[in-house]
Amino acid sequence: MADSKTKFESLREWVVEHKLRTVGSLWLSGIAGSIAYNWSQPNMKTSVKIIHARLHAQALTLAALAGAAVVEYYDHKTGVKADRYAKFLPADNFNSHKD
């Protein structure tokens, strides 16, 4: 059972593989939720509702990008990313430089 992954590891791996999809999904759900909330406010102009929804979605997008950066940092710190890409590098030409 040493090979079984925790839910956190599985989620982190999926986020690493699908960063843009994750950020886009968060943005879409954020703008939809914000529009739904703002439309429940009766004393606001439509333009203000849309501006507020966009600002909320923008804040969520920045948070998602920061989260993706943390995941990338974690991968670089632990060496997971190097292990993932090592299989694509030719072993005989590894670290060979022409002078």
N, C-alpha and C. Protein backbone atom coordinates (compact mmCIF):
# COMPACT_ATOMS: atom_id res chain seq x y z
N MET A 1 0.80 -1.20 0.00
CA MET A 1 0.00 0.00 0.00
C MET A 1 0.84 1.27 0.00
N ALA A 2 2.15 1.10 -0.16
CA ALA A 2 3.04 2.26 -0.16
C ALA A 2 2.85 3.10 -1.42
N ASP A 3 2.31 2.50 -2.49
CA ASP A 3 2.12 3.23 -3.73
C ASP A 3 0.81 4.01 -3.78
N SER A 4 -0.05 3.80 -2.82
CA SER A 4 -1.32 4.52 -2.84
C SER A 4 -1.10 5.99 -2.50
N LYS A 5 -1.78 6.84 -3.23
CA LYS A 5 -1.64 8.28 -3.05
C LYS A 5 -2.76 8.80 -2.16
N THR A 6 -2.44 9.84 -1.42
CA THR A 6 -3.48 10.49 -0.64
C THR A 6 -4.30 11.37 -1.57
N LYS A 7 -5.43 11.83 -1.09
CA LYS A 7 -6.28 12.70 -1.90
C LYS A 7 -5.56 14.00 -2.24
N PHE A 8 -4.79 14.51 -1.27
CA PHE A 8 -4.05 15.75 -1.50
C PHE A 8 -3.01 15.57 -2.62
N GLU A 9 -2.29 14.45 -2.60
CA GLU A 9 -1.29 14.19 -3.64
C GLU A 9 -1.94 14.03 -5.00
N SER A 10 -3.07 13.36 -5.04
CA SER A 10 -3.78 13.19 -6.32
C SER A 10 -4.29 14.53 -6.83
N LEU A 11 -4.83 15.35 -5.95
CA LEU A 11 -5.32 16.67 -6.35
C LEU A 11 -4.17 17.56 -6.81
N ARG A 12 -3.06 17.53 -6.09
CA ARG A 12 -1.90 18.33 -6.48
C ARG A 12 -1.37 17.91 -7.84
N GLU A 13 -1.32 16.62 -8.08
CA GLU A 13 -0.85 16.10 -9.37
C GLU A 13 -1.77 16.54 -10.51
N TRP A 14 -3.10 16.51 -10.25
CA TRP A 14 -4.04 16.94 -11.29
C TRP A 14 -3.89 18.43 -11.57
N VAL A 15 -3.70 19.23 -10.53
CA VAL A 15 -3.53 20.68 -10.71
C VAL A 15 -2.26 20.97 -11.50
N VAL A 16 -1.19 20.23 -11.22
CA VAL A 16 0.07 20.43 -11.95
C VAL A 16 -0.13 20.13 -13.43
N GLU A 17 -0.87 19.09 -13.73
CA GLU A 17 -1.08 18.71 -15.13
C GLU A 17 -2.09 19.61 -15.84
N HIS A 18 -3.01 20.23 -15.12
CA HIS A 18 -4.09 21.02 -15.74
C HIS A 18 -4.18 22.41 -15.11
N LYS A 19 -3.08 23.15 -15.13
CA LYS A 19 -3.06 24.47 -14.49
C LYS A 19 -4.04 25.44 -15.12
N LEU A 20 -4.01 25.54 -16.43
CA LEU A 20 -4.89 26.51 -17.10
C LEU A 20 -6.36 26.14 -16.93
N ARG A 21 -6.66 24.87 -16.98
CA ARG A 21 -8.05 24.44 -16.78
C ARG A 21 -8.51 24.76 -15.37
N THR A 22 -7.63 24.60 -14.39
CA THR A 22 -7.97 24.92 -13.00
C THR A 22 -8.23 26.41 -12.82
N VAL A 23 -7.33 27.23 -13.35
CA VAL A 23 -7.49 28.68 -13.22
C VAL A 23 -8.75 29.14 -13.97
N GLY A 24 -8.98 28.61 -15.16
CA GLY A 24 -10.17 28.98 -15.93
C GLY A 24 -11.46 28.57 -15.25
N SER A 25 -11.46 27.40 -14.66
CA SER A 25 -12.65 26.94 -13.94
C SER A 25 -12.93 27.80 -12.72
N LEU A 26 -11.89 28.16 -12.00
CA LEU A 26 -12.07 29.04 -10.85
C LEU A 26 -12.59 30.41 -11.28
N TRP A 27 -12.06 30.92 -12.39
CA TRP A 27 -12.51 32.22 -12.88
C TRP A 27 -13.98 32.16 -13.28
N LEU A 28 -14.36 31.13 -14.02
CA LEU A 28 -15.74 31.00 -14.47
C LEU A 28 -16.70 30.84 -13.30
N SER A 29 -16.34 29.99 -12.35
CA SER A 29 -17.23 29.81 -11.20
C SER A 29 -17.26 31.08 -10.34
N GLY A 30 -16.15 31.78 -10.26
CA GLY A 30 -16.12 33.03 -9.50
C GLY A 30 -16.99 34.10 -10.11
N ILE A 31 -16.92 34.25 -11.42
CA ILE A 31 -17.74 35.29 -12.06
C ILE A 31 -19.22 34.90 -12.02
N ALA A 32 -19.52 33.61 -12.18
CA ALA A 32 -20.92 33.18 -12.11
C ALA A 32 -21.48 33.40 -10.70
N GLY A 33 -20.72 33.02 -9.69
CA GLY A 33 -21.18 33.22 -8.31
C GLY A 33 -21.32 34.68 -7.95
N SER A 34 -20.39 35.50 -8.42
CA SER A 34 -20.44 36.92 -8.12
C SER A 34 -21.62 37.60 -8.83
N ILE A 35 -21.87 37.21 -10.08
CA ILE A 35 -23.03 37.76 -10.79
C ILE A 35 -24.31 37.36 -10.08
N ALA A 36 -24.40 36.10 -9.66
CA ALA A 36 -25.60 35.64 -8.95
C ALA A 36 -25.79 36.42 -7.65
N TYR A 37 -24.71 36.66 -6.93
CA TYR A 37 -24.82 37.42 -5.68
C TYR A 37 -25.21 38.87 -5.96
N ASN A 38 -24.54 39.49 -6.93
CA ASN A 38 -24.80 40.90 -7.22
C ASN A 38 -26.20 41.13 -7.77
N TRP A 39 -26.75 40.15 -8.49
CA TRP A 39 -28.11 40.31 -9.01
C TRP A 39 -29.15 40.25 -7.90
N SER A 40 -28.75 39.70 -6.75
CA SER A 40 -29.70 39.67 -5.64
C SER A 40 -29.74 41.01 -4.90
N GLN A 41 -28.83 41.92 -5.22
CA GLN A 41 -28.81 43.25 -4.62
C GLN A 41 -29.69 44.18 -5.46
N PRO A 42 -30.84 44.60 -4.95
CA PRO A 42 -31.80 45.34 -5.79
C PRO A 42 -31.43 46.79 -6.07
N ASN A 43 -30.65 47.43 -5.24
CA ASN A 43 -30.41 48.86 -5.40
C ASN A 43 -29.08 49.18 -6.09
N MET A 44 -28.67 48.34 -7.04
CA MET A 44 -27.42 48.57 -7.77
C MET A 44 -27.72 48.64 -9.25
N LYS A 45 -26.98 49.51 -9.94
CA LYS A 45 -27.10 49.56 -11.39
C LYS A 45 -26.45 48.32 -12.00
N THR A 46 -26.91 47.96 -13.19
CA THR A 46 -26.39 46.77 -13.87
C THR A 46 -24.89 46.89 -14.13
N SER A 47 -24.45 48.06 -14.53
CA SER A 47 -23.02 48.24 -14.81
C SER A 47 -22.18 48.02 -13.56
N VAL A 48 -22.66 48.45 -12.43
CA VAL A 48 -21.93 48.26 -11.17
C VAL A 48 -21.90 46.79 -10.79
N LYS A 49 -23.01 46.08 -11.04
CA LYS A 49 -23.05 44.65 -10.76
C LYS A 49 -22.02 43.90 -11.59
N ILE A 50 -21.89 44.25 -12.86
CA ILE A 50 -20.94 43.59 -13.74
C ILE A 50 -19.50 43.92 -13.33
N ILE A 51 -19.26 45.15 -12.98
CA ILE A 51 -17.91 45.55 -12.54
C ILE A 51 -17.52 44.81 -11.27
N HIS A 52 -18.44 44.70 -10.32
CA HIS A 52 -18.15 43.97 -9.09
C HIS A 52 -17.88 42.50 -9.37
N ALA A 53 -18.67 41.91 -10.26
CA ALA A 53 -18.47 40.50 -10.61
C ALA A 53 -17.09 40.30 -11.23
N ARG A 54 -16.69 41.21 -12.10
CA ARG A 54 -15.38 41.10 -12.75
C ARG A 54 -14.25 41.24 -11.73
N LEU A 55 -14.40 42.17 -10.79
CA LEU A 55 -13.37 42.35 -9.77
C LEU A 55 -13.24 41.13 -8.86
N HIS A 56 -14.37 40.54 -8.50
CA HIS A 56 -14.33 39.34 -7.67
C HIS A 56 -13.66 38.19 -8.42
N ALA A 57 -14.02 38.04 -9.69
CA ALA A 57 -13.41 36.96 -10.49
C ALA A 57 -11.92 37.21 -10.68
N GLN A 58 -11.52 38.45 -10.83
CA GLN A 58 -10.11 38.78 -10.98
C GLN A 58 -9.33 38.43 -9.71
N ALA A 59 -9.90 38.70 -8.56
CA ALA A 59 -9.25 38.35 -7.30
C ALA A 59 -9.12 36.83 -7.16
N LEU A 60 -10.16 36.09 -7.55
CA LEU A 60 -10.08 34.62 -7.52
C LEU A 60 -9.02 34.10 -8.47
N THR A 61 -8.89 34.72 -9.63
CA THR A 61 -7.88 34.30 -10.60
C THR A 61 -6.48 34.52 -10.05
N LEU A 62 -6.26 35.67 -9.42
CA LEU A 62 -4.95 35.92 -8.82
C LEU A 62 -4.64 34.90 -7.72
N ALA A 63 -5.65 34.56 -6.94
CA ALA A 63 -5.46 33.55 -5.89
C ALA A 63 -5.14 32.19 -6.51
N ALA A 64 -5.82 31.84 -7.60
CA ALA A 64 -5.56 30.56 -8.26
C ALA A 64 -4.15 30.54 -8.86
N LEU A 65 -3.72 31.64 -9.46
CA LEU A 65 -2.37 31.72 -10.00
C LEU A 65 -1.32 31.62 -8.89
N ALA A 66 -1.59 32.25 -7.76
CA ALA A 66 -0.68 32.14 -6.63
C ALA A 66 -0.62 30.70 -6.13
N GLY A 67 -1.76 30.03 -6.10
CA GLY A 67 -1.79 28.62 -5.72
C GLY A 67 -1.00 27.74 -6.68
N ALA A 68 -1.14 28.01 -7.99
CA ALA A 68 -0.38 27.26 -8.98
C ALA A 68 1.12 27.51 -8.82
N ALA A 69 1.49 28.75 -8.46
CA ALA A 69 2.90 29.06 -8.23
C ALA A 69 3.43 28.29 -7.02
N VAL A 70 2.62 28.17 -5.98
CA VAL A 70 3.03 27.41 -4.80
C VAL A 70 3.24 25.93 -5.16
N VAL A 71 2.35 25.38 -5.98
CA VAL A 71 2.48 23.99 -6.41
C VAL A 71 3.76 23.82 -7.23
N GLU A 72 4.05 24.75 -8.13
CA GLU A 72 5.27 24.70 -8.92
C GLU A 72 6.51 24.78 -8.02
N TYR A 73 6.49 25.67 -7.06
CA TYR A 73 7.60 25.82 -6.13
C TYR A 73 7.82 24.52 -5.35
N TYR A 74 6.74 23.92 -4.90
CA TYR A 74 6.82 22.66 -4.17
C TYR A 74 7.43 21.57 -5.04
N ASP A 75 7.01 21.51 -6.31
CA ASP A 75 7.55 20.51 -7.23
C ASP A 75 9.04 20.71 -7.47
N HIS A 76 9.46 21.96 -7.61
CA HIS A 76 10.88 22.22 -7.82
C HIS A 76 11.70 21.93 -6.57
N LYS A 77 11.14 22.22 -5.40
CA LYS A 77 11.84 21.97 -4.14
C LYS A 77 12.03 20.47 -3.88
N THR A 78 11.01 19.69 -4.18
CA THR A 78 11.07 18.25 -3.89
C THR A 78 11.72 17.46 -5.01
N GLY A 79 11.92 18.06 -6.18
CA GLY A 79 12.54 17.35 -7.30
C GLY A 79 11.58 16.52 -8.10
N VAL A 80 10.28 16.64 -7.84
CA VAL A 80 9.29 15.86 -8.57
C VAL A 80 9.31 16.21 -10.05
N LYS A 81 9.45 17.49 -10.35
CA LYS A 81 9.43 17.93 -11.75
C LYS A 81 10.64 17.40 -12.50
N ALA A 82 11.82 17.39 -11.88
CA ALA A 82 13.01 16.87 -12.54
C ALA A 82 12.85 15.39 -12.85
N ASP A 83 12.25 14.64 -11.93
CA ASP A 83 12.03 13.22 -12.16
C ASP A 83 11.03 13.00 -13.29
N ARG A 84 10.04 13.86 -13.40
CA ARG A 84 9.02 13.71 -14.42
C ARG A 84 9.59 13.93 -15.82
N TYR A 85 10.51 14.89 -15.96
CA TYR A 85 11.06 15.21 -17.27
C TYR A 85 12.33 14.44 -17.60
N ALA A 86 12.90 13.74 -16.64
CA ALA A 86 14.14 13.00 -16.88
C ALA A 86 13.95 11.90 -17.92
N LYS A 87 12.78 11.32 -18.01
CA LYS A 87 12.57 10.23 -18.97
C LYS A 87 12.59 10.72 -20.41
N PHE A 88 12.43 12.04 -20.63
CA PHE A 88 12.44 12.57 -21.98
C PHE A 88 13.84 13.00 -22.44
N LEU A 89 14.78 13.05 -21.52
CA LEU A 89 16.14 13.47 -21.85
C LEU A 89 16.97 12.25 -22.23
N PRO A 90 17.77 12.35 -23.28
CA PRO A 90 18.63 11.22 -23.64
C PRO A 90 19.72 11.03 -22.59
N ALA A 91 19.93 9.79 -22.15
CA ALA A 91 20.86 9.52 -21.08
C ALA A 91 22.31 9.69 -21.51
N ASP A 92 22.64 9.42 -22.78
CA ASP A 92 24.03 9.50 -23.22
C ASP A 92 24.50 10.93 -23.43
N ASN A 93 23.58 11.87 -23.68
CA ASN A 93 23.97 13.26 -23.90
C ASN A 93 23.74 14.13 -22.68
N PHE A 94 23.49 13.53 -21.55
CA PHE A 94 23.16 14.29 -20.36
C PHE A 94 24.38 15.07 -19.89
N ASN A 95 24.23 16.37 -19.75
CA ASN A 95 25.27 17.29 -19.29
C ASN A 95 26.48 17.37 -20.21
N SER A 96 26.31 17.03 -21.47
CA SER A 96 27.43 17.19 -22.40
C SER A 96 27.32 18.55 -23.06
N HIS A 97 28.42 19.29 -23.05
CA HIS A 97 28.46 20.62 -23.63
C HIS A 97 29.57 20.68 -24.66
N LYS A 98 29.31 21.42 -25.71
CA LYS A 98 30.34 21.65 -26.72
C LYS A 98 31.08 22.93 -26.37
N ASP A 99 32.38 22.90 -26.40
CA ASP A 99 33.16 24.09 -26.09
C ASP A 99 33.55 24.84 -27.33
